Amino acid sequence: KPGDGSDLPPWKADLNKQHRTVRAQVEHALARMKCFKILRDYRRAASTLTDTASGIAHLHNIILAG
């Protein structure tokens, strides 16, 4: 909310709602990824983290697909 206590304009309220939705989805995805031991105990070069996270996300999708 603005510092003066007034209500947000409708477009800002809608933007905040979208932001909350996307953030919640990302936070849940990261929490699920932490279930994989390889990411929880990650001790490799930081430059390889993107590839590792992508691989884990792919494996997670395969698990969901059954």
PDB file of N, CA and C in Angstrom:
ATOM      1  N   LYS A   1       0.843  -1.182   0.000  1.00  0.00           N
ATOM      2  CA  LYS A   1       0.000   0.000   0.000  1.00  0.00           C
ATOM      3  C   LYS A   1       0.886   1.242   0.000  1.00  0.00           C
ATOM      4  N   PRO A   2       0.365   2.298  -0.543  1.00  0.00           N
ATOM      5  CA  PRO A   2       1.114   3.554  -0.514  1.00  0.00           C
ATOM      6  C   PRO A   2       1.332   4.027   0.924  1.00  0.00           C
ATOM      7  N   GLY A   3       2.353   4.857   1.103  1.00  0.00           N
ATOM      8  CA  GLY A   3       2.698   5.352   2.431  1.00  0.00           C
ATOM      9  C   GLY A   3       1.608   6.164   3.092  1.00  0.00           C
ATOM     10  N   ASP A   4       0.731   6.760   2.290  1.00  0.00           N
ATOM     11  CA  ASP A   4      -0.331   7.584   2.877  1.00  0.00           C
ATOM     12  C   ASP A   4      -1.546   6.766   3.311  1.00  0.00           C
ATOM     13  N   GLY A   5      -1.505   5.442   3.128  1.00  0.00           N
ATOM     14  CA  GLY A   5      -2.589   4.576   3.579  1.00  0.00           C
ATOM     15  C   GLY A   5      -3.733   4.424   2.599  1.00  0.00           C
ATOM     16  N   SER A   6      -3.627   5.035   1.447  1.00  0.00           N
ATOM     17  CA  SER A   6      -4.705   4.914   0.456  1.00  0.00           C
ATOM     18  C   SER A   6      -4.646   3.552  -0.223  1.00  0.00           C
ATOM     19  N   ASP A   7      -5.725   3.187  -0.890  1.00  0.00           N
ATOM     20  CA  ASP A   7      -5.790   1.906  -1.596  1.00  0.00           C
ATOM     21  C   ASP A   7      -4.968   1.965  -2.878  1.00  0.00           C
ATOM     22  N   LEU A   8      -4.512   0.786  -3.287  1.00  0.00           N
ATOM     23  CA  LEU A   8      -3.775   0.698  -4.545  1.00  0.00           C
ATOM     24  C   LEU A   8      -4.729   0.852  -5.722  1.00  0.00           C
ATOM     25  N   PRO A   9      -4.230   1.400  -6.824  1.00  0.00           N
ATOM     26  CA  PRO A   9      -5.057   1.418  -8.039  1.00  0.00           C
ATOM     27  C   PRO A   9      -5.341  -0.020  -8.474  1.00  0.00           C
ATOM     28  N   PRO A  10      -6.439  -0.242  -9.155  1.00  0.00           N
ATOM     29  CA  PRO A  10      -6.790  -1.617  -9.572  1.00  0.00           C
ATOM     30  C   PRO A  10      -5.702  -2.307 -10.381  1.00  0.00           C
ATOM     31  N   TRP A  11      -5.012  -1.596 -11.247  1.00  0.00           N
ATOM     32  CA  TRP A  11      -3.980  -2.244 -12.063  1.00  0.00           C
ATOM     33  C   TRP A  11      -2.812  -2.716 -11.210  1.00  0.00           C
ATOM     34  N   LYS A  12      -2.487  -1.979 -10.150  1.00  0.00           N
ATOM     35  CA  LYS A  12      -1.401  -2.404  -9.270  1.00  0.00           C
ATOM     36  C   LYS A  12      -1.834  -3.603  -8.420  1.00  0.00           C
ATOM     37  N   ALA A  13      -3.087  -3.614  -7.993  1.00  0.00           N
ATOM     38  CA  ALA A  13      -3.591  -4.751  -7.225  1.00  0.00           C
ATOM     39  C   ALA A  13      -3.575  -6.018  -8.081  1.00  0.00           C
ATOM     40  N   ASP A  14      -3.957  -5.895  -9.361  1.00  0.00           N
ATOM     41  CA  ASP A  14      -3.919  -7.046 -10.274  1.00  0.00           C
ATOM     42  C   ASP A  14      -2.482  -7.525 -10.493  1.00  0.00           C
ATOM     43  N   LEU A  15      -1.561  -6.581 -10.638  1.00  0.00           N
ATOM     44  CA  LEU A  15      -0.154  -6.934 -10.828  1.00  0.00           C
ATOM     45  C   LEU A  15       0.389  -7.662  -9.598  1.00  0.00           C
ATOM     46  N   ASN A  16       0.039  -7.194  -8.421  1.00  0.00           N
ATOM     47  CA  ASN A  16       0.478  -7.848  -7.186  1.00  0.00           C
ATOM     48  C   ASN A  16      -0.076  -9.269  -7.082  1.00  0.00           C
ATOM     49  N   LYS A  17      -1.334  -9.442  -7.513  1.00  0.00           N
ATOM     50  CA  LYS A  17      -1.955 -10.769  -7.466  1.00  0.00           C
ATOM     51  C   LYS A  17      -1.220 -11.736  -8.394  1.00  0.00           C
ATOM     52  N   GLN A  18      -0.885 -11.268  -9.594  1.00  0.00           N
ATOM     53  CA  GLN A  18      -0.142 -12.106 -10.534  1.00  0.00           C
ATOM     54  C   GLN A  18       1.244 -12.433  -9.981  1.00  0.00           C
ATOM     55  N   HIS A  19       1.884 -11.450  -9.377  1.00  0.00           N
ATOM     56  CA  HIS A  19       3.214 -11.650  -8.807  1.00  0.00           C
ATOM     57  C   HIS A  19       3.165 -12.697  -7.691  1.00  0.00           C
ATOM     58  N   ARG A  20       2.165 -12.606  -6.827  1.00  0.00           N
ATOM     59  CA  ARG A  20       2.024 -13.582  -5.737  1.00  0.00           C
ATOM     60  C   ARG A  20       1.825 -14.990  -6.279  1.00  0.00           C
ATOM     61  N   THR A  21       1.019 -15.109  -7.326  1.00  0.00           N
ATOM     62  CA  THR A  21       0.734 -16.411  -7.914  1.00  0.00           C
ATOM     63  C   THR A  21       1.999 -17.043  -8.494  1.00  0.00           C
ATOM     64  N   VAL A  22       2.742 -16.264  -9.272  1.00  0.00           N
ATOM     65  CA  VAL A  22       3.969 -16.777  -9.886  1.00  0.00           C
ATOM     66  C   VAL A  22       5.000 -17.105  -8.813  1.00  0.00           C
ATOM     67  N   ARG A  23       5.138 -16.230  -7.834  1.00  0.00           N
ATOM     68  CA  ARG A  23       6.120 -16.467  -6.775  1.00  0.00           C
ATOM     69  C   ARG A  23       5.796 -17.744  -5.999  1.00  0.00           C
ATOM     70  N   ALA A  24       4.533 -17.970  -5.706  1.00  0.00           N
ATOM     71  CA  ALA A  24       4.144 -19.182  -4.976  1.00  0.00           C
ATOM     72  C   ALA A  24       4.498 -20.423  -5.783  1.00  0.00           C
ATOM     73  N   GLN A  25       4.263 -20.399  -7.085  1.00  0.00           N
ATOM     74  CA  GLN A  25       4.578 -21.541  -7.930  1.00  0.00           C
ATOM     75  C   GLN A  25       6.084 -21.810  -7.948  1.00  0.00           C
ATOM     76  N   VAL A  26       6.870 -20.750  -8.039  1.00  0.00           N
ATOM     77  CA  VAL A  26       8.324 -20.907  -8.053  1.00  0.00           C
ATOM     78  C   VAL A  26       8.811 -21.445  -6.714  1.00  0.00           C
ATOM     79  N   GLU A  27       8.289 -20.901  -5.617  1.00  0.00           N
ATOM     80  CA  GLU A  27       8.698 -21.361  -4.289  1.00  0.00           C
ATOM     81  C   GLU A  27       8.356 -22.844  -4.089  1.00  0.00           C
ATOM     82  N   HIS A  28       7.193 -23.259  -4.569  1.00  0.00           N
ATOM     83  CA  HIS A  28       6.813 -24.664  -4.447  1.00  0.00           C
ATOM     84  C   HIS A  28       7.720 -25.557  -5.302  1.00  0.00           C
ATOM     85  N   ALA A  29       8.060 -25.095  -6.488  1.00  0.00           N
ATOM     86  CA  ALA A  29       8.955 -25.868  -7.355  1.00  0.00           C
ATOM     87  C   ALA A  29      10.329 -26.019  -6.715  1.00  0.00           C
ATOM     88  N   LEU A  30      10.844 -24.951  -6.130  1.00  0.00           N
ATOM     89  CA  LEU A  30      12.146 -25.030  -5.464  1.00  0.00           C
ATOM     90  C   LEU A  30      12.089 -25.968  -4.264  1.00  0.00           C
ATOM     91  N   ALA A  31      10.996 -25.943  -3.528  1.00  0.00           N
ATOM     92  CA  ALA A  31      10.849 -26.837  -2.384  1.00  0.00           C
ATOM     93  C   ALA A  31      10.838 -28.293  -2.833  1.00  0.00           C
ATOM     94  N   ARG A  32      10.144 -28.577  -3.944  1.00  0.00           N
ATOM     95  CA  ARG A  32      10.120 -29.945  -4.459  1.00  0.00           C
ATOM     96  C   ARG A  32      11.501 -30.377  -4.935  1.00  0.00           C
ATOM     97  N   MET A  33      12.248 -29.447  -5.533  1.00  0.00           N
ATOM     98  CA  MET A  33      13.584 -29.782  -6.022  1.00  0.00           C
ATOM     99  C   MET A  33      14.526 -30.112  -4.876  1.00  0.00           C
ATOM    100  N   LYS A  34      14.314 -29.515  -3.726  1.00  0.00           N
ATOM    101  CA  LYS A  34      15.186 -29.774  -2.585  1.00  0.00           C
ATOM    102  C   LYS A  34      15.024 -31.199  -2.061  1.00  0.00           C
ATOM    103  N   CYS A  35      13.967 -31.878  -2.461  1.00  0.00           N
ATOM    104  CA  CYS A  35      13.783 -33.272  -2.066  1.00  0.00           C
ATOM    105  C   CYS A  35      14.829 -34.172  -2.710  1.00  0.00           C
ATOM    106  N   PHE A  36      15.385 -33.734  -3.828  1.00  0.00           N
ATOM    107  CA  PHE A  36      16.428 -34.502  -4.490  1.00  0.00           C
ATOM    108  C   PHE A  36      17.748 -34.239  -3.782  1.00  0.00           C
ATOM    109  N   LYS A  37      18.382 -35.290  -3.311  1.00  0.00           N
ATOM    110  CA  LYS A  37      19.608 -35.160  -2.519  1.00  0.00           C
ATOM    111  C   LYS A  37      20.710 -34.429  -3.279  1.00  0.00           C
ATOM    112  N   ILE A  38      20.773 -34.596  -4.584  1.00  0.00           N
ATOM    113  CA  ILE A  38      21.844 -33.970  -5.353  1.00  0.00           C
ATOM    114  C   ILE A  38      21.791 -32.446  -5.248  1.00  0.00           C
ATOM    115  N   LEU A  39      20.609 -31.882  -5.123  1.00  0.00           N
ATOM    116  CA  LEU A  39      20.507 -30.430  -5.019  1.00  0.00           C
ATOM    117  C   LEU A  39      20.662 -29.965  -3.573  1.00  0.00           C
ATOM    118  N   ARG A  40      20.232 -30.767  -2.646  1.00  0.00           N
ATOM    119  CA  ARG A  40      20.327 -30.400  -1.234  1.00  0.00           C
ATOM    120  C   ARG A  40      21.781 -30.328  -0.780  1.00  0.00           C
ATOM    121  N   ASP A  41      22.590 -31.264  -1.245  1.00  0.00           N
ATOM    122  CA  ASP A  41      23.997 -31.323  -0.857  1.00  0.00           C
ATOM    123  C   ASP A  41      24.904 -30.895  -2.014  1.00  0.00           C
ATOM    124  N   TYR A  42      24.542 -29.853  -2.703  1.00  0.00           N
ATOM    125  CA  TYR A  42      25.256 -29.424  -3.904  1.00  0.00           C
ATOM    126  C   TYR A  42      26.622 -28.865  -3.559  1.00  0.00           C
ATOM    127  N   ARG A  43      27.677 -29.535  -4.023  1.00  0.00           N
ATOM    128  CA  ARG A  43      29.035 -29.095  -3.740  1.00  0.00           C
ATOM    129  C   ARG A  43      29.853 -29.055  -5.033  1.00  0.00           C
ATOM    130  N   ARG A  44      29.241 -28.649  -6.083  1.00  0.00           N
ATOM    131  CA  ARG A  44      29.919 -28.578  -7.373  1.00  0.00           C
ATOM    132  C   ARG A  44      30.106 -27.125  -7.769  1.00  0.00           C
ATOM    133  N   ALA A  45      30.736 -26.915  -8.915  1.00  0.00           N
ATOM    134  CA  ALA A  45      30.957 -25.556  -9.401  1.00  0.00           C
ATOM    135  C   ALA A  45      29.616 -24.857  -9.611  1.00  0.00           C
ATOM    136  N   ALA A  46      29.548 -23.603  -9.229  1.00  0.00           N
ATOM    137  CA  ALA A  46      28.299 -22.851  -9.330  1.00  0.00           C
ATOM    138  C   ALA A  46      27.821 -22.752 -10.776  1.00  0.00           C
ATOM    139  N   SER A  47      28.748 -22.787 -11.716  1.00  0.00           N
ATOM    140  CA  SER A  47      28.359 -22.676 -13.129  1.00  0.00           C
ATOM    141  C   SER A  47      27.558 -23.884 -13.610  1.00  0.00           C
ATOM    142  N   THR A  48      27.611 -24.998 -12.890  1.00  0.00           N
ATOM    143  CA  THR A  48      26.872 -26.192 -13.306  1.00  0.00           C
ATOM    144  C   THR A  48      25.512 -26.309 -12.616  1.00  0.00           C
ATOM    145  N   LEU A  49      25.196 -25.381 -11.731  1.00  0.00           N
ATOM    146  CA  LEU A  49      23.938 -25.457 -10.990  1.00  0.00           C
ATOM    147  C   LEU A  49      22.727 -25.371 -11.913  1.00  0.00           C
ATOM    148  N   THR A  50      22.801 -24.538 -12.938  1.00  0.00           N
ATOM    149  CA  THR A  50      21.682 -24.401 -13.872  1.00  0.00           C
ATOM    150  C   THR A  50      21.384 -25.728 -14.565  1.00  0.00           C
ATOM    151  N   ASP A  51      22.427 -26.403 -15.028  1.00  0.00           N
ATOM    152  CA  ASP A  51      22.232 -27.695 -15.697  1.00  0.00           C
ATOM    153  C   ASP A  51      21.672 -28.729 -14.734  1.00  0.00           C
ATOM    154  N   THR A  52      22.178 -28.725 -13.510  1.00  0.00           N
ATOM    155  CA  THR A  52      21.698 -29.682 -12.517  1.00  0.00           C
ATOM    156  C   THR A  52      20.231 -29.438 -12.193  1.00  0.00           C
ATOM    157  N   ALA A  53      19.862 -28.175 -11.958  1.00  0.00           N
ATOM    158  CA  ALA A  53      18.471 -27.843 -11.643  1.00  0.00           C
ATOM    159  C   ALA A  53      17.550 -28.198 -12.803  1.00  0.00           C
ATOM    160  N   SER A  54      18.011 -27.965 -14.023  1.00  0.00           N
ATOM    161  CA  SER A  54      17.213 -28.302 -15.199  1.00  0.00           C
ATOM    162  C   SER A  54      17.003 -29.813 -15.289  1.00  0.00           C
ATOM    163  N   GLY A  55      18.042 -30.569 -15.019  1.00  0.00           N
ATOM    164  CA  GLY A  55      17.918 -32.023 -15.032  1.00  0.00           C
ATOM    165  C   GLY A  55      16.963 -32.532 -13.972  1.00  0.00           C
ATOM    166  N   ILE A  56      17.033 -31.947 -12.791  1.00  0.00           N
ATOM    167  CA  ILE A  56      16.128 -32.347 -11.707  1.00  0.00           C
ATOM    168  C   ILE A  56      14.690 -32.007 -12.071  1.00  0.00           C
ATOM    169  N   ALA A  57      14.479 -30.828 -12.658  1.00  0.00           N
ATOM    170  CA  ALA A  57      13.128 -30.449 -13.070  1.00  0.00           C
ATOM    171  C   ALA A  57      12.598 -31.437 -14.109  1.00  0.00           C
ATOM    172  N   HIS A  58      13.466 -31.861 -15.027  1.00  0.00           N
ATOM    173  CA  HIS A  58      13.053 -32.839 -16.041  1.00  0.00           C
ATOM    174  C   HIS A  58      12.676 -34.171 -15.384  1.00  0.00           C
ATOM    175  N   LEU A  59      13.504 -34.625 -14.459  1.00  0.00           N
ATOM    176  CA  LEU A  59      13.192 -35.866 -13.748  1.00  0.00           C
ATOM    177  C   LEU A  59      11.886 -35.747 -12.962  1.00  0.00           C
ATOM    178  N   HIS A  60      11.674 -34.601 -12.362  1.00  0.00           N
ATOM    179  CA  HIS A  60      10.429 -34.384 -11.609  1.00  0.00           C
ATOM    180  C   HIS A  60       9.222 -34.472 -12.530  1.00  0.00           C
ATOM    181  N   ASN A  61       9.329 -33.892 -13.718  1.00  0.00           N
ATOM    182  CA  ASN A  61       8.229 -33.957 -14.683  1.00  0.00           C
ATOM    183  C   ASN A  61       7.976 -35.392 -15.137  1.00  0.00           C
ATOM    184  N   ILE A  62       9.042 -36.177 -15.302  1.00  0.00           N
ATOM    185  CA  ILE A  62       8.874 -37.577 -15.672  1.00  0.00           C
ATOM    186  C   ILE A  62       8.144 -38.340 -14.560  1.00  0.00           C
ATOM    187  N   ILE A  63       8.512 -38.045 -13.313  1.00  0.00           N
ATOM    188  CA  ILE A  63       7.854 -38.700 -12.172  1.00  0.00           C
ATOM    189  C   ILE A  63       6.369 -38.330 -12.151  1.00  0.00           C
ATOM    190  N   LEU A  64       6.055 -37.063 -12.387  1.00  0.00           N
ATOM    191  CA  LEU A  64       4.658 -36.633 -12.380  1.00  0.00           C
ATOM    192  C   LEU A  64       3.850 -37.276 -13.490  1.00  0.00           C
ATOM    193  N   ALA A  65       4.493 -37.459 -14.650  1.00  0.00           N
ATOM    194  CA  ALA A  65       3.807 -38.038 -15.798  1.00  0.00           C
ATOM    195  C   ALA A  65       3.490 -39.523 -15.575  1.00  0.00           C
ATOM    196  N   GLY A  66       4.252 -40.145 -14.689  1.00  0.00           N
ATOM    197  CA  GLY A  66       3.994 -41.539 -14.342  1.00  0.00           C
ATOM    198  C   GLY A  66       4.659 -42.452 -15.269  1.00  0.00           C
TER     199      GLY A  66
END
